[in-house]
Protein backbone atom coordinates (compact mmCIF):
# COMPACT_ATOMS: atom_id res chain seq x y z
CA MET A 1 -20.72 24.71 10.20
CA THR A 2 -20.84 20.94 10.18
CA TRP A 3 -18.92 18.85 12.70
CA ASN A 4 -16.67 17.58 9.90
CA LYS A 5 -15.69 21.14 9.00
CA GLU A 6 -15.10 21.92 12.67
CA VAL A 7 -12.68 18.99 12.99
CA ILE A 8 -10.80 20.03 9.85
CA THR A 9 -10.57 23.61 11.10
CA LEU A 10 -9.34 22.49 14.52
CA ALA A 11 -6.74 20.22 12.93
CA GLY A 12 -5.49 23.14 10.84
CA ASP A 13 -5.26 25.35 13.91
CA LEU A 14 -3.37 22.73 15.93
CA GLY A 15 -0.95 21.90 13.15
CA PRO A 16 0.04 18.54 11.71
CA SER A 17 2.29 17.53 14.59
CA ARG A 18 -0.46 17.65 17.22
CA PHE A 19 -3.48 16.29 15.40
CA PHE A 20 -3.71 14.10 12.32
CA PRO A 21 -7.00 12.25 11.96
CA SER A 22 -6.69 8.88 10.29
CA VAL A 23 -9.67 6.85 9.19
CA SER A 24 -9.43 3.69 7.16
CA PRO A 25 -12.01 1.34 5.67
CA ALA A 26 -11.12 -1.16 8.39
CA GLN A 27 -13.11 1.04 10.78
CA LEU A 28 -16.31 0.84 8.73
CA LEU A 29 -19.19 -1.33 9.83
CA GLY A 30 -21.93 -2.17 7.37
CA ILE A 31 -25.34 -3.80 7.52
CA GLU A 32 -24.85 -6.20 4.63
CA ILE A 33 -26.34 -9.57 5.48
CA THR A 34 -25.15 -11.56 2.49
CA PRO A 35 -21.47 -12.48 2.19
CA TYR A 36 -21.28 -11.28 -1.43
CA ALA A 37 -22.72 -7.84 -0.59
CA HIS A 38 -20.30 -7.54 2.32
CA GLU A 39 -17.25 -8.38 0.18
CA LEU A 40 -18.39 -6.06 -2.62
CA ALA A 41 -18.91 -3.11 -0.26
CA GLN A 42 -15.61 -3.76 1.50
CA THR A 43 -13.73 -3.93 -1.80
CA ALA A 44 -15.36 -0.73 -3.06
CA ALA A 45 -14.46 1.10 0.15
CA TRP A 46 -10.81 -0.02 -0.03
CA ILE A 47 -10.51 0.95 -3.70
CA GLY A 48 -11.86 4.41 -2.92
CA TYR A 49 -9.49 4.73 0.04
CA ILE A 50 -6.44 3.72 -2.00
CA GLN A 51 -7.26 6.12 -4.83
């Protein structure tokens, strides 16, 4: 079982009132060195998050 599956299973066992993981694109850190690549990756991550 992967760690991601373990976290999901634990969250289900604890119930929504005790544990609700929240991750947003604002927490992502990339290695893009050009400003255009950085903006493009950030925009793509936010679009995926919103959808």
